[in-house]
Structure formats: C-alpha cells, structure tokens
Amino acid sequence: MSSGVTAGEVRSFITAHLGGAFRENGVAAGEVGDDFDLLKMGIIDSIGFIGLISAIEDHFGVEVDFEDMDTDNLTVIGPISRYIEERALKKDGVTR
C-alpha cells in the first residue's frame, strides 16, 4: 500500500469490518466519534481486537507494533486510525 493511507480510510475500514457488531449493539457506525472505545462500548472483546488488528495489517500492508502504541488508546477508533496512517507512512519512508 502506498503512503496514500489516511486515518479516514482506516476508520472506514474499521467501521465496515465491524459493521455487524455495531448493528448488534445498536450503534450507527457512521456516527461514532474519534473517542469511541470499541472495547468499552462492547463492539469487540480482546479476541475481536486481535482479529481487527490482523485484518488491518492484511488490508493496509502494515505491521502493528504494540510496544509503539499508546496502551490507553489501544481500542479507541481515532488513535488506532491515526496510528495505522503513521505506520503506513513510515513503511513507505515518508516522514512528517
């Protein structure tokens, strides 16, 4: 994947990937804010989180380094999306 990966694209992927869970929990995926915590709101559990990360890695061609992530925001949609955008940029040798 090129450095064209944006946090918005990652966010869209996450909400599409977890669309069924959003519906099951009565949450409109398109209306969640950047501070929406997927784990605390019952959208995913710890196993679901691992599956989500695996799907993100496969889809965007990046490797998630958990030591690199802010553990307080591990399951928050905005920080995850921005983290993947940054990883894609680093992978492509782009710096900000």
PDB file of N, CA and C in Angstrom:
ATOM      1  N   MET A   1       0.852  -1.176   0.000  1.00  0.00           N
ATOM      2  CA  MET A   1       0.000   0.000   0.000  1.00  0.00           C
ATOM      3  C   MET A   1       0.890   1.228   0.000  1.00  0.00           C
ATOM      4  N   SER A   2       0.506   2.244  -0.704  1.00  0.00           N
ATOM      5  CA  SER A   2       1.300   3.459  -0.770  1.00  0.00           C
ATOM      6  C   SER A   2       1.033   4.339   0.442  1.00  0.00           C
ATOM      7  N   SER A   3       1.769   5.436   0.501  1.00  0.00           N
ATOM      8  CA  SER A   3       1.612   6.363   1.617  1.00  0.00           C
ATOM      9  C   SER A   3       0.278   7.098   1.563  1.00  0.00           C
ATOM     10  N   GLY A   4      -0.569   6.745   0.598  1.00  0.00           N
ATOM     11  CA  GLY A   4      -1.876   7.365   0.488  1.00  0.00           C
ATOM     12  C   GLY A   4      -2.860   6.915   1.554  1.00  0.00           C
ATOM     13  N   VAL A   5      -2.461   6.019   2.446  1.00  0.00           N
ATOM     14  CA  VAL A   5      -3.347   5.562   3.515  1.00  0.00           C
ATOM     15  C   VAL A   5      -3.618   6.732   4.451  1.00  0.00           C
ATOM     16  N   THR A   6      -4.899   7.011   4.665  1.00  0.00           N
ATOM     17  CA  THR A   6      -5.261   8.084   5.584  1.00  0.00           C
ATOM     18  C   THR A   6      -5.992   7.513   6.789  1.00  0.00           C
ATOM     19  N   ALA A   7      -6.002   8.283   7.856  1.00  0.00           N
ATOM     20  CA  ALA A   7      -6.732   7.871   9.049  1.00  0.00           C
ATOM     21  C   ALA A   7      -8.211   7.669   8.725  1.00  0.00           C
ATOM     22  N   GLY A   8      -8.747   8.476   7.820  1.00  0.00           N
ATOM     23  CA  GLY A   8     -10.144   8.333   7.415  1.00  0.00           C
ATOM     24  C   GLY A   8     -10.416   7.002   6.739  1.00  0.00           C
ATOM     25  N   GLU A   9      -9.474   6.567   5.906  1.00  0.00           N
ATOM     26  CA  GLU A   9      -9.627   5.264   5.244  1.00  0.00           C
ATOM     27  C   GLU A   9      -9.571   4.135   6.259  1.00  0.00           C
ATOM     28  N   VAL A  10      -8.685   4.262   7.229  1.00  0.00           N
ATOM     29  CA  VAL A  10      -8.567   3.235   8.266  1.00  0.00           C
ATOM     30  C   VAL A  10      -9.853   3.190   9.081  1.00  0.00           C
ATOM     31  N   ARG A  11     -10.348   4.353   9.435  1.00  0.00           N
ATOM     32  CA  ARG A  11     -11.590   4.439  10.204  1.00  0.00           C
ATOM     33  C   ARG A  11     -12.740   3.782   9.432  1.00  0.00           C
ATOM     34  N   SER A  12     -12.837   4.071   8.135  1.00  0.00           N
ATOM     35  CA  SER A  12     -13.881   3.465   7.299  1.00  0.00           C
ATOM     36  C   SER A  12     -13.734   1.957   7.248  1.00  0.00           C
ATOM     37  N   PHE A  13     -12.496   1.477   7.144  1.00  0.00           N
ATOM     38  CA  PHE A  13     -12.257   0.038   7.128  1.00  0.00           C
ATOM     39  C   PHE A  13     -12.712  -0.589   8.448  1.00  0.00           C
ATOM     40  N   ILE A  14     -12.345   0.042   9.558  1.00  0.00           N
ATOM     41  CA  ILE A  14     -12.709  -0.493  10.877  1.00  0.00           C
ATOM     42  C   ILE A  14     -14.224  -0.569  11.023  1.00  0.00           C
ATOM     43  N   THR A  15     -14.917   0.508  10.663  1.00  0.00           N
ATOM     44  CA  THR A  15     -16.373   0.504  10.843  1.00  0.00           C
ATOM     45  C   THR A  15     -17.048  -0.487   9.901  1.00  0.00           C
ATOM     46  N   ALA A  16     -16.495  -0.661   8.696  1.00  0.00           N
ATOM     47  CA  ALA A  16     -17.061  -1.660   7.780  1.00  0.00           C
ATOM     48  C   ALA A  16     -16.774  -3.073   8.290  1.00  0.00           C
ATOM     49  N   HIS A  17     -15.540  -3.294   8.732  1.00  0.00           N
ATOM     50  CA  HIS A  17     -15.132  -4.615   9.218  1.00  0.00           C
ATOM     51  C   HIS A  17     -15.970  -5.033  10.437  1.00  0.00           C
ATOM     52  N   LEU A  18     -16.301  -4.069  11.268  1.00  0.00           N
ATOM     53  CA  LEU A  18     -17.060  -4.358  12.497  1.00  0.00           C
ATOM     54  C   LEU A  18     -18.529  -3.980  12.369  1.00  0.00           C
ATOM     55  N   GLY A  19     -18.997  -3.807  11.136  1.00  0.00           N
ATOM     56  CA  GLY A  19     -20.370  -3.360  10.899  1.00  0.00           C
ATOM     57  C   GLY A  19     -21.421  -4.184  11.606  1.00  0.00           C
ATOM     58  N   GLY A  20     -21.284  -5.499  11.570  1.00  0.00           N
ATOM     59  CA  GLY A  20     -22.251  -6.372  12.242  1.00  0.00           C
ATOM     60  C   GLY A  20     -22.288  -6.140  13.736  1.00  0.00           C
ATOM     61  N   ALA A  21     -21.126  -5.975  14.335  1.00  0.00           N
ATOM     62  CA  ALA A  21     -21.062  -5.738  15.781  1.00  0.00           C
ATOM     63  C   ALA A  21     -21.664  -4.387  16.143  1.00  0.00           C
ATOM     64  N   PHE A  22     -21.441  -3.386  15.287  1.00  0.00           N
ATOM     65  CA  PHE A  22     -22.065  -2.083  15.532  1.00  0.00           C
ATOM     66  C   PHE A  22     -23.592  -2.225  15.504  1.00  0.00           C
ATOM     67  N   ARG A  23     -24.099  -2.902  14.475  1.00  0.00           N
ATOM     68  CA  ARG A  23     -25.554  -3.090  14.355  1.00  0.00           C
ATOM     69  C   ARG A  23     -26.114  -3.868  15.547  1.00  0.00           C
ATOM     70  N   GLU A  24     -25.429  -4.934  15.941  1.00  0.00           N
ATOM     71  CA  GLU A  24     -25.894  -5.752  17.070  1.00  0.00           C
ATOM     72  C   GLU A  24     -25.969  -4.949  18.368  1.00  0.00           C
ATOM     73  N   ASN A  25     -25.133  -3.926  18.481  1.00  0.00           N
ATOM     74  CA  ASN A  25     -25.104  -3.112  19.684  1.00  0.00           C
ATOM     75  C   ASN A  25     -25.898  -1.816  19.544  1.00  0.00           C
ATOM     76  N   GLY A  26     -26.638  -1.695  18.429  1.00  0.00           N
ATOM     77  CA  GLY A  26     -27.470  -0.520  18.229  1.00  0.00           C
ATOM     78  C   GLY A  26     -26.698   0.767  18.017  1.00  0.00           C
ATOM     79  N   VAL A  27     -25.497   0.643  17.483  1.00  0.00           N
ATOM     80  CA  VAL A  27     -24.643   1.808  17.259  1.00  0.00           C
ATOM     81  C   VAL A  27     -24.557   2.077  15.759  1.00  0.00           C
ATOM     82  N   ALA A  28     -24.814   3.318  15.366  1.00  0.00           N
ATOM     83  CA  ALA A  28     -24.664   3.714  13.963  1.00  0.00           C
ATOM     84  C   ALA A  28     -23.185   3.952  13.703  1.00  0.00           C
ATOM     85  N   ALA A  29     -22.556   3.055  12.953  1.00  0.00           N
ATOM     86  CA  ALA A  29     -21.104   3.100  12.741  1.00  0.00           C
ATOM     87  C   ALA A  29     -20.644   4.437  12.183  1.00  0.00           C
ATOM     88  N   GLY A  30     -21.435   5.062  11.339  1.00  0.00           N
ATOM     89  CA  GLY A  30     -21.046   6.326  10.738  1.00  0.00           C
ATOM     90  C   GLY A  30     -21.107   7.510  11.682  1.00  0.00           C
ATOM     91  N   GLU A  31     -21.655   7.301  12.853  1.00  0.00           N
ATOM     92  CA  GLU A  31     -21.830   8.400  13.800  1.00  0.00           C
ATOM     93  C   GLU A  31     -20.911   8.326  15.011  1.00  0.00           C
ATOM     94  N   VAL A  32     -19.967   7.396  15.013  1.00  0.00           N
ATOM     95  CA  VAL A  32     -19.065   7.289  16.168  1.00  0.00           C
ATOM     96  C   VAL A  32     -17.959   8.329  16.053  1.00  0.00           C
ATOM     97  N   GLY A  33     -17.588   8.913  17.179  1.00  0.00           N
ATOM     98  CA  GLY A  33     -16.521   9.906  17.211  1.00  0.00           C
ATOM     99  C   GLY A  33     -15.157   9.271  17.352  1.00  0.00           C
ATOM    100  N   ASP A  34     -14.130  10.089  17.226  1.00  0.00           N
ATOM    101  CA  ASP A  34     -12.757   9.608  17.349  1.00  0.00           C
ATOM    102  C   ASP A  34     -12.466   9.037  18.738  1.00  0.00           C
ATOM    103  N   ASP A  35     -13.254   9.432  19.728  1.00  0.00           N
ATOM    104  CA  ASP A  35     -13.020   8.964  21.092  1.00  0.00           C
ATOM    105  C   ASP A  35     -13.809   7.696  21.423  1.00  0.00           C
ATOM    106  N   PHE A  36     -14.449   7.099  20.405  1.00  0.00           N
ATOM    107  CA  PHE A  36     -15.253   5.895  20.614  1.00  0.00           C
ATOM    108  C   PHE A  36     -14.338   4.713  20.920  1.00  0.00           C
ATOM    109  N   ASP A  37     -14.527   4.104  22.083  1.00  0.00           N
ATOM    110  CA  ASP A  37     -13.710   2.966  22.514  1.00  0.00           C
ATOM    111  C   ASP A  37     -14.440   1.672  22.153  1.00  0.00           C
ATOM    112  N   LEU A  38     -13.893   0.960  21.197  1.00  0.00           N
ATOM    113  CA  LEU A  38     -14.513  -0.267  20.692  1.00  0.00           C
ATOM    114  C   LEU A  38     -14.678  -1.326  21.777  1.00  0.00           C
ATOM    115  N   LEU A  39     -13.729  -1.421  22.678  1.00  0.00           N
ATOM    116  CA  LEU A  39     -13.782  -2.426  23.745  1.00  0.00           C
ATOM    117  C   LEU A  39     -14.787  -2.021  24.825  1.00  0.00           C
ATOM    118  N   LYS A  40     -14.680  -0.805  25.315  1.00  0.00           N
ATOM    119  CA  LYS A  40     -15.561  -0.354  26.396  1.00  0.00           C
ATOM    120  C   LYS A  40     -17.021  -0.306  25.977  1.00  0.00           C
ATOM    121  N   MET A  41     -17.273  -0.062  24.692  1.00  0.00           N
ATOM    122  CA  MET A  41     -18.648   0.024  24.203  1.00  0.00           C
ATOM    123  C   MET A  41     -19.192  -1.326  23.752  1.00  0.00           C
ATOM    124  N   GLY A  42     -18.415  -2.393  23.928  1.00  0.00           N
ATOM    125  CA  GLY A  42     -18.892  -3.740  23.644  1.00  0.00           C
ATOM    126  C   GLY A  42     -18.895  -4.139  22.177  1.00  0.00           C
ATOM    127  N   ILE A  43     -18.200  -3.385  21.336  1.00  0.00           N
ATOM    128  CA  ILE A  43     -18.146  -3.711  19.912  1.00  0.00           C
ATOM    129  C   ILE A  43     -17.203  -4.894  19.676  1.00  0.00           C
ATOM    130  N   ILE A  44     -16.098  -4.914  20.393  1.00  0.00           N
ATOM    131  CA  ILE A  44     -15.147  -6.025  20.304  1.00  0.00           C
ATOM    132  C   ILE A  44     -14.730  -6.447  21.709  1.00  0.00           C
ATOM    133  N   ASP A  45     -14.208  -7.664  21.789  1.00  0.00           N
ATOM    134  CA  ASP A  45     -13.567  -8.122  23.017  1.00  0.00           C
ATOM    135  C   ASP A  45     -12.080  -8.280  22.696  1.00  0.00           C
ATOM    136  N   SER A  46     -11.315  -8.842  23.605  1.00  0.00           N
ATOM    137  CA  SER A  46      -9.870  -8.945  23.366  1.00  0.00           C
ATOM    138  C   SER A  46      -9.542  -9.813  22.152  1.00  0.00           C
ATOM    139  N   ILE A  47     -10.289 -10.874  21.952  1.00  0.00           N
ATOM    140  CA  ILE A  47     -10.074 -11.725  20.778  1.00  0.00           C
ATOM    141  C   ILE A  47     -10.476 -10.973  19.502  1.00  0.00           C
ATOM    142  N   GLY A  48     -11.574 -10.245  19.575  1.00  0.00           N
ATOM    143  CA  GLY A  48     -12.006  -9.436  18.449  1.00  0.00           C
ATOM    144  C   GLY A  48     -10.993  -8.368  18.088  1.00  0.00           C
ATOM    145  N   PHE A  49     -10.321  -7.834  19.096  1.00  0.00           N
ATOM    146  CA  PHE A  49      -9.294  -6.820  18.856  1.00  0.00           C
ATOM    147  C   PHE A  49      -8.127  -7.416  18.068  1.00  0.00           C
ATOM    148  N   ILE A  50      -7.717  -8.608  18.453  1.00  0.00           N
ATOM    149  CA  ILE A  50      -6.616  -9.278  17.734  1.00  0.00           C
ATOM    150  C   ILE A  50      -7.028  -9.521  16.281  1.00  0.00           C
ATOM    151  N   GLY A  51      -8.259  -9.960  16.077  1.00  0.00           N
ATOM    152  CA  GLY A  51      -8.763 -10.166  14.717  1.00  0.00           C
ATOM    153  C   GLY A  51      -8.801  -8.876  13.915  1.00  0.00           C
ATOM    154  N   LEU A  52      -9.211  -7.793  14.564  1.00  0.00           N
ATOM    155  CA  LEU A  52      -9.256  -6.493  13.892  1.00  0.00           C
ATOM    156  C   LEU A  52      -7.857  -6.059  13.479  1.00  0.00           C
ATOM    157  N   ILE A  53      -6.900  -6.186  14.375  1.00  0.00           N
ATOM    158  CA  ILE A  53      -5.524  -5.789  14.062  1.00  0.00           C
ATOM    159  C   ILE A  53      -4.982  -6.625  12.908  1.00  0.00           C
ATOM    160  N   SER A  54      -5.262  -7.911  12.919  1.00  0.00           N
ATOM    161  CA  SER A  54      -4.819  -8.790  11.835  1.00  0.00           C
ATOM    162  C   SER A  54      -5.428  -8.358  10.502  1.00  0.00           C
ATOM    163  N   ALA A  55      -6.715  -8.042  10.514  1.00  0.00           N
ATOM    164  CA  ALA A  55      -7.389  -7.591   9.290  1.00  0.00           C
ATOM    165  C   ALA A  55      -6.810  -6.266   8.798  1.00  0.00           C
ATOM    166  N   ILE A  56      -6.522  -5.361   9.718  1.00  0.00           N
ATOM    167  CA  ILE A  56      -5.922  -4.070   9.360  1.00  0.00           C
ATOM    168  C   ILE A  56      -4.548  -4.283   8.737  1.00  0.00           C
ATOM    169  N   GLU A  57      -3.739  -5.142   9.369  1.00  0.00           N
ATOM    170  CA  GLU A  57      -2.399  -5.419   8.836  1.00  0.00           C
ATOM    171  C   GLU A  57      -2.480  -5.987   7.421  1.00  0.00           C
ATOM    172  N   ASP A  58      -3.368  -6.937   7.224  1.00  0.00           N
ATOM    173  CA  ASP A  58      -3.532  -7.544   5.902  1.00  0.00           C
ATOM    174  C   ASP A  58      -4.017  -6.537   4.868  1.00  0.00           C
ATOM    175  N   HIS A  59      -5.008  -5.748   5.245  1.00  0.00           N
ATOM    176  CA  HIS A  59      -5.623  -4.814   4.295  1.00  0.00           C
ATOM    177  C   HIS A  59      -4.686  -3.662   3.911  1.00  0.00           C
ATOM    178  N   PHE A  60      -3.988  -3.114   4.889  1.00  0.00           N
ATOM    179  CA  PHE A  60      -3.165  -1.929   4.637  1.00  0.00           C
ATOM    180  C   PHE A  60      -1.676  -2.243   4.456  1.00  0.00           C
ATOM    181  N   GLY A  61      -1.300  -3.506   4.644  1.00  0.00           N
ATOM    182  CA  GLY A  61       0.089  -3.895   4.432  1.00  0.00           C
ATOM    183  C   GLY A  61       1.062  -3.298   5.429  1.00  0.00           C
ATOM    184  N   VAL A  62       0.600  -3.117   6.653  1.00  0.00           N
ATOM    185  CA  VAL A  62       1.462  -2.583   7.710  1.00  0.00           C
ATOM    186  C   VAL A  62       1.561  -3.600   8.837  1.00  0.00           C
ATOM    187  N   GLU A  63       2.580  -3.449   9.627  1.00  0.00           N
ATOM    188  CA  GLU A  63       2.745  -4.304  10.798  1.00  0.00           C
ATOM    189  C   GLU A  63       2.531  -3.456  12.042  1.00  0.00           C
ATOM    190  N   VAL A  64       1.622  -3.881  12.896  1.00  0.00           N
ATOM    191  CA  VAL A  64       1.335  -3.162  14.128  1.00  0.00           C
ATOM    192  C   VAL A  64       2.339  -3.601  15.189  1.00  0.00           C
ATOM    193  N   ASP A  65       2.971  -2.625  15.812  1.00  0.00           N
ATOM    194  CA  ASP A  65       3.914  -2.883  16.900  1.00  0.00           C
ATOM    195  C   ASP A  65       3.252  -2.390  18.187  1.00  0.00           C
ATOM    196  N   PHE A  66       2.776  -3.307  19.002  1.00  0.00           N
ATOM    197  CA  PHE A  66       2.039  -2.934  20.204  1.00  0.00           C
ATOM    198  C   PHE A  66       2.891  -2.123  21.171  1.00  0.00           C
ATOM    199  N   GLU A  67       4.203  -2.304  21.145  1.00  0.00           N
ATOM    200  CA  GLU A  67       5.075  -1.514  22.005  1.00  0.00           C
ATOM    201  C   GLU A  67       5.092  -0.060  21.579  1.00  0.00           C
ATOM    202  N   ASP A  68       4.750   0.177  20.335  1.00  0.00           N
ATOM    203  CA  ASP A  68       4.727   1.511  19.738  1.00  0.00           C
ATOM    204  C   ASP A  68       3.429   2.260  20.031  1.00  0.00           C
ATOM    205  N   MET A  69       2.397   1.531  20.407  1.00  0.00           N
ATOM    206  CA  MET A  69       1.066   2.121  20.582  1.00  0.00           C
ATOM    207  C   MET A  69       0.859   2.649  21.994  1.00  0.00           C
ATOM    208  N   ASP A  70       0.023   3.656  22.096  1.00  0.00           N
ATOM    209  CA  ASP A  70      -0.388   4.203  23.389  1.00  0.00           C
ATOM    210  C   ASP A  70      -1.403   3.224  23.987  1.00  0.00           C
ATOM    211  N   THR A  71      -1.029   2.540  25.048  1.00  0.00           N
ATOM    212  CA  THR A  71      -1.891   1.494  25.603  1.00  0.00           C
ATOM    213  C   THR A  71      -3.213   2.030  26.134  1.00  0.00           C
ATOM    214  N   ASP A  72      -3.279   3.308  26.490  1.00  0.00           N
ATOM    215  CA  ASP A  72      -4.535   3.886  26.967  1.00  0.00           C
ATOM    216  C   ASP A  72      -5.553   4.018  25.847  1.00  0.00           C
ATOM    217  N   ASN A  73      -5.068   4.083  24.614  1.00  0.00           N
ATOM    218  CA  ASN A  73      -5.952   4.294  23.470  1.00  0.00           C
ATOM    219  C   ASN A  73      -5.940   3.135  22.486  1.00  0.00           C
ATOM    220  N   LEU A  74      -5.563   1.987  22.951  1.00  0.00           N
ATOM    221  CA  LEU A  74      -5.407   0.818  22.093  1.00  0.00           C
ATOM    222  C   LEU A  74      -6.675   0.460  21.323  1.00  0.00           C
ATOM    223  N   THR A  75      -7.824   0.672  21.931  1.00  0.00           N
ATOM    224  CA  THR A  75      -9.080   0.273  21.294  1.00  0.00           C
ATOM    225  C   THR A  75      -9.969   1.472  20.941  1.00  0.00           C
ATOM    226  N   VAL A  76      -9.392   2.663  20.922  1.00  0.00           N
ATOM    227  CA  VAL A  76     -10.130   3.879  20.588  1.00  0.00           C
ATOM    228  C   VAL A  76      -9.959   4.159  19.097  1.00  0.00           C
ATOM    229  N   ILE A  77     -11.066   4.357  18.391  1.00  0.00           N
ATOM    230  CA  ILE A  77     -11.057   4.381  16.933  1.00  0.00           C
ATOM    231  C   ILE A  77     -10.166   5.478  16.324  1.00  0.00           C
ATOM    232  N   GLY A  78     -10.187   6.676  16.872  1.00  0.00           N
ATOM    233  CA  GLY A  78      -9.374   7.764  16.321  1.00  0.00           C
ATOM    234  C   GLY A  78      -7.880   7.487  16.432  1.00  0.00           C
ATOM    235  N   PRO A  79      -7.377   7.189  17.628  1.00  0.00           N
ATOM    236  CA  PRO A  79      -5.956   6.900  17.767  1.00  0.00           C
ATOM    237  C   PRO A  79      -5.495   5.676  16.962  1.00  0.00           C
ATOM    238  N   ILE A  80      -6.317   4.644  16.878  1.00  0.00           N
ATOM    239  CA  ILE A  80      -5.942   3.476  16.065  1.00  0.00           C
ATOM    240  C   ILE A  80      -5.789   3.905  14.604  1.00  0.00           C
ATOM    241  N   SER A  81      -6.748   4.669  14.117  1.00  0.00           N
ATOM    242  CA  SER A  81      -6.725   5.106  12.718  1.00  0.00           C
ATOM    243  C   SER A  81      -5.496   5.950  12.414  1.00  0.00           C
ATOM    244  N   ARG A  82      -5.180   6.875  13.301  1.00  0.00           N
ATOM    245  CA  ARG A  82      -4.001   7.729  13.092  1.00  0.00           C
ATOM    246  C   ARG A  82      -2.704   6.923  13.206  1.00  0.00           C
ATOM    247  N   TYR A  83      -2.682   5.961  14.113  1.00  0.00           N
ATOM    248  CA  TYR A  83      -1.501   5.112  14.269  1.00  0.00           C
ATOM    249  C   TYR A  83      -1.232   4.326  12.981  1.00  0.00           C
ATOM    250  N   ILE A  84      -2.261   3.747  12.384  1.00  0.00           N
ATOM    251  CA  ILE A  84      -2.089   2.971  11.147  1.00  0.00           C
ATOM    252  C   ILE A  84      -1.633   3.896  10.018  1.00  0.00           C
ATOM    253  N   GLU A  85      -2.190   5.086   9.942  1.00  0.00           N
ATOM    254  CA  GLU A  85      -1.748   6.058   8.935  1.00  0.00           C
ATOM    255  C   GLU A  85      -0.247   6.329   9.092  1.00  0.00           C
ATOM    256  N   GLU A  86       0.193   6.556  10.325  1.00  0.00           N
ATOM    257  CA  GLU A  86       1.620   6.808  10.590  1.00  0.00           C
ATOM    258  C   GLU A  86       2.483   5.602  10.231  1.00  0.00           C
ATOM    259  N   ARG A  87       2.018   4.404  10.568  1.00  0.00           N
ATOM    260  CA  ARG A  87       2.780   3.181  10.234  1.00  0.00           C
ATOM    261  C   ARG A  87       2.926   3.038   8.721  1.00  0.00           C
ATOM    262  N   ALA A  88       1.869   3.344   7.985  1.00  0.00           N
ATOM    263  CA  ALA A  88       1.921   3.250   6.524  1.00  0.00           C
ATOM    264  C   ALA A  88       2.916   4.262   5.965  1.00  0.00           C
ATOM    265  N   LEU A  89       2.922   5.454   6.528  1.00  0.00           N
ATOM    266  CA  LEU A  89       3.873   6.475   6.082  1.00  0.00           C
ATOM    267  C   LEU A  89       5.310   6.042   6.361  1.00  0.00           C
ATOM    268  N   LYS A  90       5.552   5.513   7.559  1.00  0.00           N
ATOM    269  CA  LYS A  90       6.902   5.044   7.917  1.00  0.00           C
ATOM    270  C   LYS A  90       7.341   3.912   7.004  1.00  0.00           C
ATOM    271  N   LYS A  91       6.408   3.000   6.718  1.00  0.00           N
ATOM    272  CA  LYS A  91       6.721   1.860   5.846  1.00  0.00           C
ATOM    273  C   LYS A  91       7.163   2.354   4.479  1.00  0.00           C
ATOM    274  N   ASP A  92       6.545   3.428   4.017  1.00  0.00           N
ATOM    275  CA  ASP A  92       6.855   3.974   2.706  1.00  0.00           C
ATOM    276  C   ASP A  92       8.001   4.974   2.731  1.00  0.00           C
ATOM    277  N   GLY A  93       8.596   5.182   3.931  1.00  0.00           N
ATOM    278  CA  GLY A  93       9.723   6.101   4.029  1.00  0.00           C
ATOM    279  C   GLY A  93       9.329   7.561   4.020  1.00  0.00           C
ATOM    280  N   VAL A  94       8.064   7.844   4.320  1.00  0.00           N
ATOM    281  CA  VAL A  94       7.597   9.213   4.361  1.00  0.00           C
ATOM    282  C   VAL A  94       7.620   9.700   5.810  1.00  0.00           C
ATOM    283  N   THR A  95       8.180  10.874   6.022  1.00  0.00           N
ATOM    284  CA  THR A  95       8.187  11.447   7.375  1.00  0.00           C
ATOM    285  C   THR A  95       7.402  12.732   7.380  1.00  0.00           C
ATOM    286  N   ARG A  96       6.848  13.013   8.542  1.00  0.00           N
ATOM    287  CA  ARG A  96       6.076  14.259   8.695  1.00  0.00           C
ATOM    288  C   ARG A  96       6.823  15.216   9.553  1.00  0.00           C
TER     289      ARG A  96
END
